[in-house]
């Protein structure tokens, strides 16, 4: 009897969990109907090789969207042109793999001087909110510092910490915790100097 109750509870919990996950968003549906962008034929669209932007234009979907904006829209954070960096549990030091990845990100940043980069620091849900906010801040700062050593202008790089508040995976497993221990990059239009 006890085993049947446990299985019933687990089944109900999984159904509840699955019902809370938003449906995947088709990028083509995000574009306005009737535009060439919906068909992927917009020659002025911002891409990895062409980030120029005219007055009043917004960045292409995913490029200007941070984790908080994605949460407000009910979508997962978009994978941008810059790859996320992952960290070991309770650490903010960059591992060799992260440095290699940051070298590639740095090359892209240098090739696109018309953008600025916001580096989001994230943590898994183990530890207090305050601790994880501080850990996320240290992770974002470590990434920024390394990008500066690679020759990127510090005024083009900003940091923010979300701690454990904006996870990409909500299950308490090592695999999910690893996905949440990250620095996420948000590409924004460079603000003109005043």
C-alpha atoms as a PDB file:
ATOM      1  CA  UNK A   1       0.000   0.000   0.000  1.00  0.00           C
ATOM      2  CA  UNK A   2       2.779   2.406   0.977  1.00  0.00           C
ATOM      3  CA  UNK A   3       4.631   1.696  -2.279  1.00  0.00           C
ATOM      4  CA  UNK A   4       1.471   2.371  -4.315  1.00  0.00           C
ATOM      5  CA  UNK A   5       1.004   5.736  -2.577  1.00  0.00           C
ATOM      6  CA  UNK A   6       4.606   6.697  -3.288  1.00  0.00           C
ATOM      7  CA  UNK A   7       4.219   5.764  -6.962  1.00  0.00           C
ATOM      8  CA  UNK A   8       0.956   7.721  -7.173  1.00  0.00           C
ATOM      9  CA  UNK A   9       2.571  10.769  -5.575  1.00  0.00           C
ATOM     10  CA  UNK A  10       5.570  10.563  -7.922  1.00  0.00           C
ATOM     11  CA  UNK A  11       3.287  10.233 -10.927  1.00  0.00           C
ATOM     12  CA  UNK A  12       1.234  13.279  -9.879  1.00  0.00           C
ATOM     13  CA  UNK A  13       4.401  15.271  -9.197  1.00  0.00           C
ATOM     14  CA  UNK A  14       5.799  14.471 -12.650  1.00  0.00           C
ATOM     15  CA  UNK A  15       2.510  15.418 -14.320  1.00  0.00           C
ATOM     16  CA  UNK A  16       2.541  18.724 -12.435  1.00  0.00           C
ATOM     17  CA  UNK A  17       6.169  19.340 -13.363  1.00  0.00           C
ATOM     18  CA  UNK A  18       5.561  18.617 -17.054  1.00  0.00           C
ATOM     19  CA  UNK A  19       2.510  20.874 -17.133  1.00  0.00           C
ATOM     20  CA  UNK A  20       4.626  23.784 -15.812  1.00  0.00           C
ATOM     21  CA  UNK A  21       7.163  23.599 -18.648  1.00  0.00           C
ATOM     22  CA  UNK A  22       6.327  26.102 -21.398  1.00  0.00           C
ATOM     23  CA  UNK A  23       5.962  24.688 -24.908  1.00  0.00           C
ATOM     24  CA  UNK A  24       8.930  25.182 -27.245  1.00  0.00           C
ATOM     25  CA  UNK A  25       8.833  28.381 -29.256  1.00  0.00           C
ATOM     26  CA  UNK A  26       9.401  28.240 -32.990  1.00  0.00           C
ATOM     27  CA  UNK A  27      11.758  31.142 -33.889  1.00  0.00           C
ATOM     28  CA  UNK A  28       9.820  31.703 -37.116  1.00  0.00           C
ATOM     29  CA  UNK A  29       6.667  32.407 -35.112  1.00  0.00           C
ATOM     30  CA  UNK A  30       8.439  35.170 -33.160  1.00  0.00           C
ATOM     31  CA  UNK A  31       8.809  37.336 -36.259  1.00  0.00           C
ATOM     32  CA  UNK A  32       5.941  39.571 -37.253  1.00  0.00           C
ATOM     33  CA  UNK A  33       3.553  37.987 -39.755  1.00  0.00           C
ATOM     34  CA  UNK A  34       4.022  39.154 -43.305  1.00  0.00           C
ATOM     35  CA  UNK A  35       7.674  40.163 -42.899  1.00  0.00           C
ATOM     36  CA  UNK A  36      10.614  38.678 -44.681  1.00  0.00           C
ATOM     37  CA  UNK A  37      12.156  37.982 -41.280  1.00  0.00           C
ATOM     38  CA  UNK A  38       9.471  35.346 -40.715  1.00  0.00           C
ATOM     39  CA  UNK A  39      10.737  33.569 -43.808  1.00  0.00           C
ATOM     40  CA  UNK A  40      14.371  34.124 -42.832  1.00  0.00           C
ATOM     41  CA  UNK A  41      14.989  36.327 -45.887  1.00  0.00           C
ATOM     42  CA  UNK A  42      15.565  39.687 -44.243  1.00  0.00           C
ATOM     43  CA  UNK A  43      18.899  40.942 -45.640  1.00  0.00           C
ATOM     44  CA  UNK A  44      19.081  43.552 -42.874  1.00  0.00           C
ATOM     45  CA  UNK A  45      18.595  41.016 -40.080  1.00  0.00           C
ATOM     46  CA  UNK A  46      21.328  40.842 -37.539  1.00  0.00           C
ATOM     47  CA  UNK A  47      23.351  37.655 -37.800  1.00  0.00           C
ATOM     48  CA  UNK A  48      26.676  36.457 -36.491  1.00  0.00           C
ATOM     49  CA  UNK A  49      28.457  38.044 -39.463  1.00  0.00           C
ATOM     50  CA  UNK A  50      26.262  41.165 -39.759  1.00  0.00           C
ATOM     51  CA  UNK A  51      25.306  42.987 -36.594  1.00  0.00           C
ATOM     52  CA  UNK A  52      24.799  46.465 -37.973  1.00  0.00           C
ATOM     53  CA  UNK A  53      21.657  48.095 -36.711  1.00  0.00           C
ATOM     54  CA  UNK A  54      19.831  51.200 -37.808  1.00  0.00           C
ATOM     55  CA  UNK A  55      17.985  53.685 -35.605  1.00  0.00           C
ATOM     56  CA  UNK A  56      14.842  52.251 -34.065  1.00  0.00           C
ATOM     57  CA  UNK A  57      15.664  48.668 -35.005  1.00  0.00           C
ATOM     58  CA  UNK A  58      15.875  46.052 -32.308  1.00  0.00           C
ATOM     59  CA  UNK A  59      18.263  43.144 -32.163  1.00  0.00           C
ATOM     60  CA  UNK A  60      17.276  39.850 -33.730  1.00  0.00           C
ATOM     61  CA  UNK A  61      15.503  37.367 -31.422  1.00  0.00           C
ATOM     62  CA  UNK A  62      17.935  35.868 -28.941  1.00  0.00           C
ATOM     63  CA  UNK A  63      20.712  38.389 -29.424  1.00  0.00           C
ATOM     64  CA  UNK A  64      19.303  41.029 -27.117  1.00  0.00           C
ATOM     65  CA  UNK A  65      17.385  38.725 -24.808  1.00  0.00           C
ATOM     66  CA  UNK A  66      18.720  38.006 -21.358  1.00  0.00           C
ATOM     67  CA  UNK A  67      17.539  35.353 -18.938  1.00  0.00           C
ATOM     68  CA  UNK A  68      15.185  37.754 -17.157  1.00  0.00           C
ATOM     69  CA  UNK A  69      13.536  38.866 -20.416  1.00  0.00           C
ATOM     70  CA  UNK A  70      13.143  35.211 -21.417  1.00  0.00           C
ATOM     71  CA  UNK A  71      11.459  34.431 -18.097  1.00  0.00           C
ATOM     72  CA  UNK A  72       9.037  37.335 -18.527  1.00  0.00           C
ATOM     73  CA  UNK A  73       8.147  36.040 -22.009  1.00  0.00           C
ATOM     74  CA  UNK A  74       7.811  32.469 -20.760  1.00  0.00           C
ATOM     75  CA  UNK A  75      10.558  31.160 -23.038  1.00  0.00           C
ATOM     76  CA  UNK A  76      13.912  29.533 -22.276  1.00  0.00           C
ATOM     77  CA  UNK A  77      16.944  31.828 -22.617  1.00  0.00           C
ATOM     78  CA  UNK A  78      17.975  31.907 -26.252  1.00  0.00           C
ATOM     79  CA  UNK A  79      21.284  30.465 -27.279  1.00  0.00           C
ATOM     80  CA  UNK A  80      23.155  33.355 -28.766  1.00  0.00           C
ATOM     81  CA  UNK A  81      26.268  33.652 -30.837  1.00  0.00           C
ATOM     82  CA  UNK A  82      28.396  33.489 -27.676  1.00  0.00           C
ATOM     83  CA  UNK A  83      28.588  30.169 -25.856  1.00  0.00           C
ATOM     84  CA  UNK A  84      27.871  29.891 -22.136  1.00  0.00           C
ATOM     85  CA  UNK A  85      30.713  29.091 -19.735  1.00  0.00           C
ATOM     86  CA  UNK A  86      30.148  26.469 -17.026  1.00  0.00           C
ATOM     87  CA  UNK A  87      31.666  26.206 -13.562  1.00  0.00           C
ATOM     88  CA  UNK A  88      32.426  23.503 -11.017  1.00  0.00           C
ATOM     89  CA  UNK A  89      30.295  23.302  -7.872  1.00  0.00           C
ATOM     90  CA  UNK A  90      30.879  26.248  -5.537  1.00  0.00           C
ATOM     91  CA  UNK A  91      33.699  27.606  -7.747  1.00  0.00           C
ATOM     92  CA  UNK A  92      34.216  30.759  -9.759  1.00  0.00           C
ATOM     93  CA  UNK A  93      37.623  29.931 -11.239  1.00  0.00           C
ATOM     94  CA  UNK A  94      37.816  29.364 -14.977  1.00  0.00           C
ATOM     95  CA  UNK A  95      38.836  25.887 -16.066  1.00  0.00           C
ATOM     96  CA  UNK A  96      40.937  25.261 -19.204  1.00  0.00           C
ATOM     97  CA  UNK A  97      37.855  24.403 -21.290  1.00  0.00           C
ATOM     98  CA  UNK A  98      36.205  27.665 -20.239  1.00  0.00           C
ATOM     99  CA  UNK A  99      39.311  29.663 -21.218  1.00  0.00           C
ATOM    100  CA  UNK A 100      39.327  28.058 -24.673  1.00  0.00           C
ATOM    101  CA  UNK A 101      35.663  28.862 -25.123  1.00  0.00           C
ATOM    102  CA  UNK A 102      36.217  32.446 -23.933  1.00  0.00           C
ATOM    103  CA  UNK A 103      39.005  32.856 -26.507  1.00  0.00           C
ATOM    104  CA  UNK A 104      36.482  32.064 -29.258  1.00  0.00           C
ATOM    105  CA  UNK A 105      33.894  34.368 -27.670  1.00  0.00           C
ATOM    106  CA  UNK A 106      36.560  37.081 -27.421  1.00  0.00           C
ATOM    107  CA  UNK A 107      37.417  36.780 -31.113  1.00  0.00           C
ATOM    108  CA  UNK A 108      33.739  37.276 -31.997  1.00  0.00           C
ATOM    109  CA  UNK A 109      33.404  40.259 -29.650  1.00  0.00           C
ATOM    110  CA  UNK A 110      36.455  41.932 -31.243  1.00  0.00           C
ATOM    111  CA  UNK A 111      35.031  41.364 -34.728  1.00  0.00           C
ATOM    112  CA  UNK A 112      31.762  43.075 -33.729  1.00  0.00           C
ATOM    113  CA  UNK A 113      32.672  46.422 -32.123  1.00  0.00           C
ATOM    114  CA  UNK A 114      29.106  47.735 -32.466  1.00  0.00           C
ATOM    115  CA  UNK A 115      27.824  45.551 -29.622  1.00  0.00           C
ATOM    116  CA  UNK A 116      28.235  45.468 -25.874  1.00  0.00           C
ATOM    117  CA  UNK A 117      28.087  42.305 -23.818  1.00  0.00           C
ATOM    118  CA  UNK A 118      26.243  41.672 -20.576  1.00  0.00           C
ATOM    119  CA  UNK A 119      27.618  38.710 -18.641  1.00  0.00           C
ATOM    120  CA  UNK A 120      25.069  37.017 -16.397  1.00  0.00           C
ATOM    121  CA  UNK A 121      26.342  34.989 -13.453  1.00  0.00           C
ATOM    122  CA  UNK A 122      24.205  32.027 -12.374  1.00  0.00           C
ATOM    123  CA  UNK A 123      24.382  29.330  -9.676  1.00  0.00           C
ATOM    124  CA  UNK A 124      22.577  26.115  -8.864  1.00  0.00           C
ATOM    125  CA  UNK A 125      20.013  26.055  -6.059  1.00  0.00           C
ATOM    126  CA  UNK A 126      22.273  24.653  -3.332  1.00  0.00           C
ATOM    127  CA  UNK A 127      23.142  27.278  -0.720  1.00  0.00           C
ATOM    128  CA  UNK A 128      21.332  30.421   0.393  1.00  0.00           C
ATOM    129  CA  UNK A 129      19.986  33.016  -2.028  1.00  0.00           C
ATOM    130  CA  UNK A 130      22.511  35.567  -0.755  1.00  0.00           C
ATOM    131  CA  UNK A 131      25.441  33.186  -1.151  1.00  0.00           C
ATOM    132  CA  UNK A 132      24.383  32.209  -4.678  1.00  0.00           C
ATOM    133  CA  UNK A 133      23.956  35.857  -5.727  1.00  0.00           C
ATOM    134  CA  UNK A 134      27.517  36.537  -4.550  1.00  0.00           C
ATOM    135  CA  UNK A 135      28.777  33.383  -6.296  1.00  0.00           C
ATOM    136  CA  UNK A 136      27.042  34.398  -9.542  1.00  0.00           C
ATOM    137  CA  UNK A 137      28.655  37.842  -9.269  1.00  0.00           C
ATOM    138  CA  UNK A 138      32.120  36.284  -8.801  1.00  0.00           C
ATOM    139  CA  UNK A 139      31.552  34.031 -11.827  1.00  0.00           C
ATOM    140  CA  UNK A 140      30.449  36.904 -14.061  1.00  0.00           C
ATOM    141  CA  UNK A 141      33.377  39.037 -12.877  1.00  0.00           C
ATOM    142  CA  UNK A 142      35.876  36.204 -13.516  1.00  0.00           C
ATOM    143  CA  UNK A 143      34.600  35.940 -17.098  1.00  0.00           C
ATOM    144  CA  UNK A 144      34.758  39.707 -17.613  1.00  0.00           C
ATOM    145  CA  UNK A 145      38.285  39.914 -16.180  1.00  0.00           C
ATOM    146  CA  UNK A 146      39.481  37.139 -18.480  1.00  0.00           C
ATOM    147  CA  UNK A 147      37.890  38.757 -21.553  1.00  0.00           C
ATOM    148  CA  UNK A 148      39.670  42.016 -20.650  1.00  0.00           C
ATOM    149  CA  UNK A 149      43.013  40.167 -20.454  1.00  0.00           C
ATOM    150  CA  UNK A 150      42.289  38.935 -23.991  1.00  0.00           C
ATOM    151  CA  UNK A 151      42.114  42.546 -25.209  1.00  0.00           C
ATOM    152  CA  UNK A 152      38.418  43.395 -24.956  1.00  0.00           C
ATOM    153  CA  UNK A 153      37.485  46.892 -23.796  1.00  0.00           C
ATOM    154  CA  UNK A 154      36.116  46.783 -20.225  1.00  0.00           C
ATOM    155  CA  UNK A 155      33.527  49.468 -21.023  1.00  0.00           C
ATOM    156  CA  UNK A 156      31.873  47.082 -23.528  1.00  0.00           C
ATOM    157  CA  UNK A 157      31.430  44.404 -20.852  1.00  0.00           C
ATOM    158  CA  UNK A 158      28.998  44.545 -17.931  1.00  0.00           C
ATOM    159  CA  UNK A 159      28.057  41.967 -15.309  1.00  0.00           C
ATOM    160  CA  UNK A 160      24.927  41.012 -13.407  1.00  0.00           C
ATOM    161  CA  UNK A 161      24.197  38.149 -11.039  1.00  0.00           C
ATOM    162  CA  UNK A 162      20.954  36.226 -10.854  1.00  0.00           C
ATOM    163  CA  UNK A 163      22.281  33.620  -8.434  1.00  0.00           C
ATOM    164  CA  UNK A 164      19.915  30.647  -8.371  1.00  0.00           C
ATOM    165  CA  UNK A 165      16.849  32.667  -9.386  1.00  0.00           C
ATOM    166  CA  UNK A 166      16.789  31.960 -13.153  1.00  0.00           C
ATOM    167  CA  UNK A 167      17.690  28.293 -13.684  1.00  0.00           C
ATOM    168  CA  UNK A 168      17.648  26.694 -17.117  1.00  0.00           C
ATOM    169  CA  UNK A 169      16.916  23.331 -15.516  1.00  0.00           C
ATOM    170  CA  UNK A 170      14.703  22.820 -12.481  1.00  0.00           C
ATOM    171  CA  UNK A 171      15.386  19.222 -11.463  1.00  0.00           C
ATOM    172  CA  UNK A 172      17.674  18.453  -8.509  1.00  0.00           C
ATOM    173  CA  UNK A 173      20.216  16.288 -10.330  1.00  0.00           C
ATOM    174  CA  UNK A 174      23.919  16.824 -10.951  1.00  0.00           C
ATOM    175  CA  UNK A 175      23.251  17.216 -14.682  1.00  0.00           C
ATOM    176  CA  UNK A 176      20.783  20.054 -14.059  1.00  0.00           C
ATOM    177  CA  UNK A 177      22.901  21.697 -11.393  1.00  0.00           C
ATOM    178  CA  UNK A 178      25.809  21.744 -13.869  1.00  0.00           C
ATOM    179  CA  UNK A 179      23.648  23.486 -16.514  1.00  0.00           C
ATOM    180  CA  UNK A 180      22.678  26.151 -13.971  1.00  0.00           C
ATOM    181  CA  UNK A 181      26.274  26.924 -12.868  1.00  0.00           C
ATOM    182  CA  UNK A 182      27.042  29.213 -15.766  1.00  0.00           C
ATOM    183  CA  UNK A 183      27.927  32.576 -17.173  1.00  0.00           C
ATOM    184  CA  UNK A 184      25.465  33.505 -19.917  1.00  0.00           C
ATOM    185  CA  UNK A 185      26.198  36.182 -22.532  1.00  0.00           C
ATOM    186  CA  UNK A 186      23.678  38.733 -23.755  1.00  0.00           C
ATOM    187  CA  UNK A 187      24.614  40.709 -26.873  1.00  0.00           C
ATOM    188  CA  UNK A 188      23.249  44.247 -26.834  1.00  0.00           C
ATOM    189  CA  UNK A 189      23.526  47.202 -29.180  1.00  0.00           C
ATOM    190  CA  UNK A 190      26.447  49.409 -28.196  1.00  0.00           C
ATOM    191  CA  UNK A 191      25.189  52.678 -26.749  1.00  0.00           C
ATOM    192  CA  UNK A 192      26.534  55.664 -28.659  1.00  0.00           C
ATOM    193  CA  UNK A 193      29.034  57.844 -26.801  1.00  0.00           C
ATOM    194  CA  UNK A 194      27.468  61.094 -25.623  1.00  0.00           C
END
